[in-house]
Amino acid sequence: MQVISSKDNEIVKGIRKLNEKKYRDLNNQYIIEGIKLIEEAIEENASINTIVVCEDCIRNDYIEQKILYEIAKYNCIYVSEKVFNLITQVTNPQGILAVIDRKNTEKQIDYNQDMIVILDGIQDPRKFGNYIKNSR
């Protein structure tokens, strides 16, 4: 297991940039943090690009062996606690995060087609009906 201990590593720099929206949009990626979110991403077959694990969290058994076996199937990098704290934006990190590829689901709305609006819990339907009638 190779541990990255330099904040100047290219992989670490790339992941740190994802903390900014412009780089998330540019790379079509985002970061999730925490054991539960990563387990859910694996269950949902999310497009996991990289999993980053804090070396000290493995030594201190913060992360269960079952999860470590599961994430071993993916591209994992191990970093020192100092580097992990530079990457994370969580105040009390669990020592694991993942870079997920965003699905390209941008679809253009065809405003020439009929639209269906579903409303739930409207207290005054007449008021809403008047709003729709007046907005045409």
N, C-alpha and C. Protein backbone atom coordinates (compact mmCIF):
# COMPACT_ATOMS: atom_id res chain seq x y z
N MET A 1 0.84 -1.17 0.00
CA MET A 1 0.00 0.00 0.00
C MET A 1 0.89 1.24 0.00
N GLN A 2 0.74 2.04 -1.03
CA GLN A 2 1.50 3.29 -1.13
C GLN A 2 0.67 4.41 -0.52
N VAL A 3 1.30 5.20 0.34
CA VAL A 3 0.62 6.29 1.03
C VAL A 3 1.15 7.61 0.49
N ILE A 4 0.23 8.47 0.06
CA ILE A 4 0.60 9.79 -0.42
C ILE A 4 0.70 10.72 0.78
N SER A 5 1.86 11.32 0.95
CA SER A 5 2.05 12.21 2.10
C SER A 5 2.37 13.64 1.68
N SER A 6 2.34 13.89 0.36
CA SER A 6 2.66 15.23 -0.14
C SER A 6 1.39 15.94 -0.60
N LYS A 7 1.21 17.15 -0.13
CA LYS A 7 0.06 17.95 -0.57
C LYS A 7 0.24 18.41 -2.01
N ASP A 8 1.45 18.31 -2.55
CA ASP A 8 1.74 18.74 -3.92
C ASP A 8 1.55 17.63 -4.95
N ASN A 9 1.08 16.47 -4.51
CA ASN A 9 0.81 15.37 -5.42
C ASN A 9 -0.31 15.78 -6.38
N GLU A 10 -0.19 15.41 -7.66
CA GLU A 10 -1.16 15.82 -8.68
C GLU A 10 -2.56 15.28 -8.40
N ILE A 11 -2.64 14.06 -7.90
CA ILE A 11 -3.95 13.48 -7.59
C ILE A 11 -4.61 14.27 -6.46
N VAL A 12 -3.84 14.58 -5.44
CA VAL A 12 -4.36 15.34 -4.30
C VAL A 12 -4.78 16.73 -4.75
N LYS A 13 -3.99 17.37 -5.59
CA LYS A 13 -4.35 18.70 -6.10
C LYS A 13 -5.66 18.65 -6.88
N GLY A 14 -5.82 17.62 -7.71
CA GLY A 14 -7.05 17.47 -8.49
C GLY A 14 -8.28 17.28 -7.61
N ILE A 15 -8.13 16.49 -6.56
CA ILE A 15 -9.26 16.26 -5.66
C ILE A 15 -9.57 17.53 -4.86
N ARG A 16 -8.55 18.24 -4.44
CA ARG A 16 -8.77 19.49 -3.68
C ARG A 16 -9.50 20.52 -4.54
N LYS A 17 -9.23 20.54 -5.82
CA LYS A 17 -9.90 21.50 -6.71
C LYS A 17 -11.40 21.23 -6.78
N LEU A 18 -11.81 19.98 -6.56
CA LEU A 18 -13.23 19.64 -6.64
C LEU A 18 -14.05 20.26 -5.51
N ASN A 19 -13.39 20.87 -4.55
CA ASN A 19 -14.11 21.60 -3.50
C ASN A 19 -14.73 22.88 -4.05
N GLU A 20 -14.29 23.30 -5.23
CA GLU A 20 -14.84 24.49 -5.87
C GLU A 20 -15.82 24.07 -6.97
N LYS A 21 -16.94 24.76 -7.02
CA LYS A 21 -18.00 24.42 -7.97
C LYS A 21 -17.53 24.45 -9.41
N LYS A 22 -16.71 25.42 -9.76
CA LYS A 22 -16.30 25.55 -11.16
C LYS A 22 -15.52 24.31 -11.61
N TYR A 23 -14.71 23.73 -10.74
CA TYR A 23 -13.96 22.52 -11.12
C TYR A 23 -14.86 21.28 -11.10
N ARG A 24 -15.86 21.26 -10.19
CA ARG A 24 -16.81 20.14 -10.22
C ARG A 24 -17.56 20.14 -11.54
N ASP A 25 -18.00 21.31 -11.98
CA ASP A 25 -18.72 21.41 -13.25
C ASP A 25 -17.81 21.09 -14.43
N LEU A 26 -16.58 21.56 -14.38
CA LEU A 26 -15.62 21.33 -15.46
C LEU A 26 -15.29 19.85 -15.61
N ASN A 27 -15.09 19.15 -14.50
CA ASN A 27 -14.70 17.74 -14.53
C ASN A 27 -15.87 16.77 -14.47
N ASN A 28 -17.09 17.29 -14.27
CA ASN A 28 -18.27 16.44 -14.08
C ASN A 28 -18.05 15.42 -12.98
N GLN A 29 -17.51 15.89 -11.85
CA GLN A 29 -17.26 15.03 -10.71
C GLN A 29 -17.64 15.78 -9.43
N TYR A 30 -17.86 15.02 -8.38
CA TYR A 30 -18.10 15.62 -7.08
C TYR A 30 -17.56 14.68 -6.00
N ILE A 31 -17.49 15.20 -4.77
CA ILE A 31 -16.92 14.45 -3.66
C ILE A 31 -18.03 14.08 -2.68
N ILE A 32 -18.00 12.85 -2.22
CA ILE A 32 -18.85 12.45 -1.10
C ILE A 32 -17.93 12.01 0.03
N GLU A 33 -18.36 12.26 1.26
CA GLU A 33 -17.52 11.92 2.41
C GLU A 33 -18.31 11.11 3.42
N GLY A 34 -17.64 10.18 4.02
CA GLY A 34 -18.24 9.39 5.09
C GLY A 34 -18.52 7.96 4.66
N ILE A 35 -18.50 7.09 5.64
CA ILE A 35 -18.67 5.67 5.39
C ILE A 35 -20.05 5.37 4.83
N LYS A 36 -21.08 5.94 5.43
CA LYS A 36 -22.45 5.65 5.01
C LYS A 36 -22.69 6.08 3.56
N LEU A 37 -22.24 7.26 3.18
CA LEU A 37 -22.44 7.73 1.80
C LEU A 37 -21.70 6.86 0.79
N ILE A 38 -20.53 6.42 1.15
CA ILE A 38 -19.76 5.58 0.23
C ILE A 38 -20.42 4.20 0.11
N GLU A 39 -20.92 3.66 1.22
CA GLU A 39 -21.64 2.39 1.14
C GLU A 39 -22.86 2.53 0.22
N GLU A 40 -23.59 3.63 0.35
CA GLU A 40 -24.76 3.85 -0.50
C GLU A 40 -24.37 4.00 -1.97
N ALA A 41 -23.25 4.69 -2.22
CA ALA A 41 -22.79 4.85 -3.60
C ALA A 41 -22.44 3.50 -4.21
N ILE A 42 -21.83 2.61 -3.43
CA ILE A 42 -21.49 1.27 -3.92
C ILE A 42 -22.76 0.48 -4.19
N GLU A 43 -23.74 0.56 -3.28
CA GLU A 43 -25.00 -0.16 -3.46
C GLU A 43 -25.76 0.32 -4.70
N GLU A 44 -25.68 1.61 -4.98
CA GLU A 44 -26.41 2.19 -6.11
C GLU A 44 -25.61 2.13 -7.42
N ASN A 45 -24.46 1.48 -7.39
CA ASN A 45 -23.58 1.34 -8.56
C ASN A 45 -23.22 2.70 -9.15
N ALA A 46 -22.92 3.65 -8.28
CA ALA A 46 -22.48 4.96 -8.74
C ALA A 46 -21.14 4.81 -9.46
N SER A 47 -20.86 5.75 -10.31
CA SER A 47 -19.61 5.72 -11.07
C SER A 47 -18.49 6.30 -10.20
N ILE A 48 -17.92 5.44 -9.36
CA ILE A 48 -16.87 5.86 -8.43
C ILE A 48 -15.55 5.93 -9.17
N ASN A 49 -14.96 7.11 -9.19
CA ASN A 49 -13.69 7.32 -9.86
C ASN A 49 -12.53 6.92 -8.95
N THR A 50 -12.52 7.47 -7.74
CA THR A 50 -11.43 7.24 -6.79
C THR A 50 -11.98 7.24 -5.39
N ILE A 51 -11.43 6.38 -4.55
CA ILE A 51 -11.74 6.41 -3.12
C ILE A 51 -10.46 6.78 -2.39
N VAL A 52 -10.57 7.78 -1.52
CA VAL A 52 -9.42 8.25 -0.75
C VAL A 52 -9.61 7.81 0.69
N VAL A 53 -8.60 7.14 1.23
CA VAL A 53 -8.68 6.62 2.59
C VAL A 53 -7.52 7.19 3.40
N CYS A 54 -7.84 7.66 4.60
CA CYS A 54 -6.82 8.16 5.50
C CYS A 54 -6.10 6.98 6.13
N GLU A 55 -4.79 6.97 6.02
CA GLU A 55 -3.98 5.86 6.51
C GLU A 55 -4.16 5.65 8.01
N ASP A 56 -4.22 6.71 8.77
CA ASP A 56 -4.36 6.60 10.23
C ASP A 56 -5.69 6.01 10.64
N CYS A 57 -6.72 6.23 9.84
CA CYS A 57 -8.04 5.67 10.16
C CYS A 57 -8.07 4.17 10.00
N ILE A 58 -7.25 3.64 9.11
CA ILE A 58 -7.17 2.19 8.94
C ILE A 58 -6.44 1.59 10.15
N ARG A 59 -5.36 2.23 10.54
CA ARG A 59 -4.59 1.73 11.69
C ARG A 59 -5.39 1.77 12.98
N ASN A 60 -6.24 2.76 13.14
CA ASN A 60 -7.02 2.91 14.37
C ASN A 60 -8.37 2.20 14.30
N ASP A 61 -8.61 1.43 13.24
CA ASP A 61 -9.85 0.66 13.06
C ASP A 61 -11.10 1.52 13.08
N TYR A 62 -11.04 2.74 12.54
CA TYR A 62 -12.24 3.57 12.41
C TYR A 62 -13.14 3.02 11.30
N ILE A 63 -12.52 2.40 10.32
CA ILE A 63 -13.25 1.86 9.18
C ILE A 63 -13.26 0.34 9.30
N GLU A 64 -14.45 -0.25 9.24
CA GLU A 64 -14.59 -1.70 9.39
C GLU A 64 -13.91 -2.44 8.25
N GLN A 65 -13.45 -3.65 8.54
CA GLN A 65 -12.79 -4.48 7.54
C GLN A 65 -13.72 -4.80 6.37
N LYS A 66 -15.00 -4.99 6.66
CA LYS A 66 -15.98 -5.31 5.62
C LYS A 66 -16.00 -4.21 4.55
N ILE A 67 -15.95 -2.97 5.00
CA ILE A 67 -15.96 -1.84 4.07
C ILE A 67 -14.64 -1.75 3.32
N LEU A 68 -13.55 -2.02 4.01
CA LEU A 68 -12.24 -1.99 3.35
C LEU A 68 -12.16 -3.05 2.25
N TYR A 69 -12.74 -4.22 2.47
CA TYR A 69 -12.76 -5.25 1.44
C TYR A 69 -13.59 -4.81 0.24
N GLU A 70 -14.70 -4.13 0.53
CA GLU A 70 -15.61 -3.68 -0.53
C GLU A 70 -14.95 -2.60 -1.39
N ILE A 71 -14.27 -1.64 -0.75
CA ILE A 71 -13.68 -0.54 -1.51
C ILE A 71 -12.41 -0.95 -2.22
N ALA A 72 -11.85 -2.08 -1.85
CA ALA A 72 -10.63 -2.56 -2.51
C ALA A 72 -10.87 -2.88 -3.98
N LYS A 73 -12.13 -3.03 -4.36
CA LYS A 73 -12.47 -3.32 -5.75
C LYS A 73 -12.36 -2.08 -6.64
N TYR A 74 -12.21 -0.92 -6.02
CA TYR A 74 -12.17 0.35 -6.74
C TYR A 74 -10.77 0.92 -6.72
N ASN A 75 -10.60 2.01 -7.45
CA ASN A 75 -9.33 2.72 -7.47
C ASN A 75 -9.18 3.46 -6.13
N CYS A 76 -8.36 2.92 -5.24
CA CYS A 76 -8.17 3.51 -3.91
C CYS A 76 -6.79 4.14 -3.80
N ILE A 77 -6.77 5.27 -3.15
CA ILE A 77 -5.48 5.86 -2.78
C ILE A 77 -5.51 6.09 -1.28
N TYR A 78 -4.35 5.94 -0.69
CA TYR A 78 -4.22 6.12 0.75
C TYR A 78 -3.36 7.36 0.97
N VAL A 79 -3.82 8.20 1.89
CA VAL A 79 -3.12 9.44 2.17
C VAL A 79 -2.88 9.55 3.66
N SER A 80 -1.90 10.38 4.01
CA SER A 80 -1.64 10.62 5.43
C SER A 80 -2.77 11.47 6.01
N GLU A 81 -2.84 11.52 7.32
CA GLU A 81 -3.90 12.29 7.98
C GLU A 81 -3.78 13.77 7.64
N LYS A 82 -2.57 14.26 7.54
CA LYS A 82 -2.33 15.66 7.21
C LYS A 82 -2.89 16.00 5.82
N VAL A 83 -2.63 15.14 4.85
CA VAL A 83 -3.12 15.36 3.48
C VAL A 83 -4.64 15.20 3.45
N PHE A 84 -5.17 14.22 4.17
CA PHE A 84 -6.62 14.03 4.17
C PHE A 84 -7.33 15.26 4.73
N ASN A 85 -6.77 15.85 5.76
CA ASN A 85 -7.38 17.05 6.35
C ASN A 85 -7.33 18.24 5.40
N LEU A 86 -6.39 18.24 4.46
CA LEU A 86 -6.35 19.30 3.43
C LEU A 86 -7.46 19.09 2.38
N ILE A 87 -7.79 17.85 2.12
CA ILE A 87 -8.79 17.53 1.10
C ILE A 87 -10.20 17.72 1.62
N THR A 88 -10.45 17.26 2.83
CA THR A 88 -11.81 17.22 3.36
C THR A 88 -12.33 18.61 3.73
N GLN A 89 -13.65 18.74 3.69
CA GLN A 89 -14.29 19.97 4.14
C GLN A 89 -15.16 19.73 5.37
N VAL A 90 -15.09 18.53 5.91
CA VAL A 90 -15.87 18.15 7.07
C VAL A 90 -15.06 18.46 8.33
N THR A 91 -15.74 18.95 9.37
CA THR A 91 -15.01 19.28 10.59
C THR A 91 -14.54 18.05 11.35
N ASN A 92 -15.32 16.99 11.36
CA ASN A 92 -14.92 15.74 12.00
C ASN A 92 -14.97 14.61 10.97
N PRO A 93 -13.94 14.52 10.13
CA PRO A 93 -13.98 13.53 9.04
C PRO A 93 -13.89 12.10 9.56
N GLN A 94 -14.49 11.18 8.79
CA GLN A 94 -14.45 9.76 9.13
C GLN A 94 -13.26 9.06 8.48
N GLY A 95 -12.49 9.78 7.69
CA GLY A 95 -11.29 9.21 7.12
C GLY A 95 -11.47 8.55 5.77
N ILE A 96 -12.60 8.77 5.14
CA ILE A 96 -12.82 8.18 3.84
C ILE A 96 -13.68 9.12 3.01
N LEU A 97 -13.32 9.25 1.73
CA LEU A 97 -14.12 10.04 0.80
C LEU A 97 -13.97 9.44 -0.58
N ALA A 98 -14.87 9.82 -1.46
CA ALA A 98 -14.84 9.27 -2.82
C ALA A 98 -15.11 10.37 -3.82
N VAL A 99 -14.48 10.25 -4.98
CA VAL A 99 -14.75 11.13 -6.11
C VAL A 99 -15.67 10.36 -7.04
N ILE A 100 -16.84 10.95 -7.30
CA ILE A 100 -17.86 10.30 -8.10
C ILE A 100 -17.99 11.05 -9.43
N ASP A 101 -18.10 10.30 -10.52
CA ASP A 101 -18.36 10.90 -11.82
C ASP A 101 -19.84 11.23 -11.91
N ARG A 102 -20.13 12.45 -12.26
CA ARG A 102 -21.51 12.90 -12.38
C ARG A 102 -22.10 12.37 -13.68
N LYS A 103 -23.32 11.86 -13.59
CA LYS A 103 -24.00 11.40 -14.80
C LYS A 103 -24.44 12.61 -15.59
N ASN A 104 -24.32 12.51 -16.89
CA ASN A 104 -24.73 13.61 -17.75
C ASN A 104 -26.22 13.46 -18.03
N THR A 105 -27.03 14.11 -17.21
CA THR A 105 -28.48 13.99 -17.34
C THR A 105 -29.13 15.28 -17.79
N GLU A 106 -28.35 16.15 -18.38
CA GLU A 106 -28.91 17.41 -18.85
C GLU A 106 -29.78 17.15 -20.07
N LYS A 107 -31.06 17.40 -19.91
CA LYS A 107 -31.99 17.25 -21.01
C LYS A 107 -32.66 18.60 -21.23
N GLN A 108 -32.84 18.92 -22.47
CA GLN A 108 -33.52 20.17 -22.80
C GLN A 108 -35.03 19.98 -22.68
N ILE A 109 -35.67 20.96 -22.11
CA ILE A 109 -37.12 20.93 -21.98
C ILE A 109 -37.74 21.42 -23.29
N ASP A 110 -38.68 20.64 -23.79
CA ASP A 110 -39.40 21.05 -24.99
C ASP A 110 -40.67 21.76 -24.55
N TYR A 111 -40.64 23.08 -24.63
CA TYR A 111 -41.75 23.88 -24.15
C TYR A 111 -42.97 23.82 -25.08
N ASN A 112 -42.85 23.18 -26.23
CA ASN A 112 -43.97 23.04 -27.14
C ASN A 112 -44.86 21.86 -26.77
N GLN A 113 -44.37 20.98 -25.92
CA GLN A 113 -45.17 19.84 -25.50
C GLN A 113 -45.99 20.20 -24.27
N ASP A 114 -47.05 19.43 -24.05
CA ASP A 114 -47.88 19.62 -22.87
C ASP A 114 -47.07 19.27 -21.62
N MET A 115 -47.38 19.98 -20.55
CA MET A 115 -46.71 19.72 -19.28
C MET A 115 -47.75 19.32 -18.25
N ILE A 116 -47.37 18.45 -17.35
CA ILE A 116 -48.23 18.04 -16.26
C ILE A 116 -47.61 18.56 -14.98
N VAL A 117 -48.42 19.22 -14.16
CA VAL A 117 -47.95 19.73 -12.88
C VAL A 117 -48.70 18.96 -11.80
N ILE A 118 -47.96 18.40 -10.88
CA ILE A 118 -48.56 17.67 -9.76
C ILE A 118 -48.34 18.49 -8.51
N LEU A 119 -49.41 18.77 -7.82
CA LEU A 119 -49.35 19.59 -6.62
C LEU A 119 -49.79 18.75 -5.43
N ASP A 120 -49.13 18.96 -4.32
CA ASP A 120 -49.46 18.21 -3.13
C ASP A 120 -49.54 19.17 -1.95
N GLY A 121 -50.59 19.09 -1.20
CA GLY A 121 -50.71 19.90 0.00
C GLY A 121 -51.08 21.35 -0.25
N ILE A 122 -51.76 21.64 -1.33
CA ILE A 122 -52.19 23.01 -1.62
C ILE A 122 -53.33 23.37 -0.66
N GLN A 123 -53.18 24.47 0.05
CA GLN A 123 -54.21 24.85 1.01
C GLN A 123 -55.37 25.60 0.35
N ASP A 124 -55.08 26.38 -0.67
CA ASP A 124 -56.14 27.14 -1.34
C ASP A 124 -56.03 26.92 -2.85
N PRO A 125 -56.69 25.87 -3.38
CA PRO A 125 -56.56 25.55 -4.80
C PRO A 125 -57.10 26.64 -5.71
N ARG A 126 -58.09 27.41 -5.25
CA ARG A 126 -58.63 28.49 -6.10
C ARG A 126 -57.57 29.55 -6.34
N LYS A 127 -56.81 29.85 -5.31
CA LYS A 127 -55.76 30.85 -5.45
C LYS A 127 -54.73 30.41 -6.50
N PHE A 128 -54.36 29.13 -6.44
CA PHE A 128 -53.40 28.60 -7.41
C PHE A 128 -54.00 28.58 -8.80
N GLY A 129 -55.30 28.20 -8.90
CA GLY A 129 -55.99 28.19 -10.20
C GLY A 129 -56.03 29.57 -10.82
N ASN A 130 -56.29 30.59 -10.02
CA ASN A 130 -56.28 31.97 -10.52
C ASN A 130 -54.89 32.38 -10.99
N TYR A 131 -53.87 31.92 -10.29
CA TYR A 131 -52.50 32.24 -10.67
C TYR A 131 -52.17 31.64 -12.04
N ILE A 132 -52.55 30.40 -12.27
CA ILE A 132 -52.28 29.75 -13.55
C ILE A 132 -53.08 30.43 -14.66
N LYS A 133 -54.34 30.74 -14.40
CA LYS A 133 -55.21 31.36 -15.39
C LYS A 133 -54.66 32.74 -15.80
N ASN A 134 -54.13 33.48 -14.86
CA ASN A 134 -53.62 34.81 -15.14
C ASN A 134 -52.20 34.81 -15.74
N SER A 135 -51.51 33.68 -15.66
CA SER A 135 -50.14 33.65 -16.17
C SER A 135 -50.07 33.26 -17.65
N ARG A 136 -51.18 32.97 -18.27
CA ARG A 136 -51.17 32.57 -19.68
C ARG A 136 -50.95 33.71 -20.53
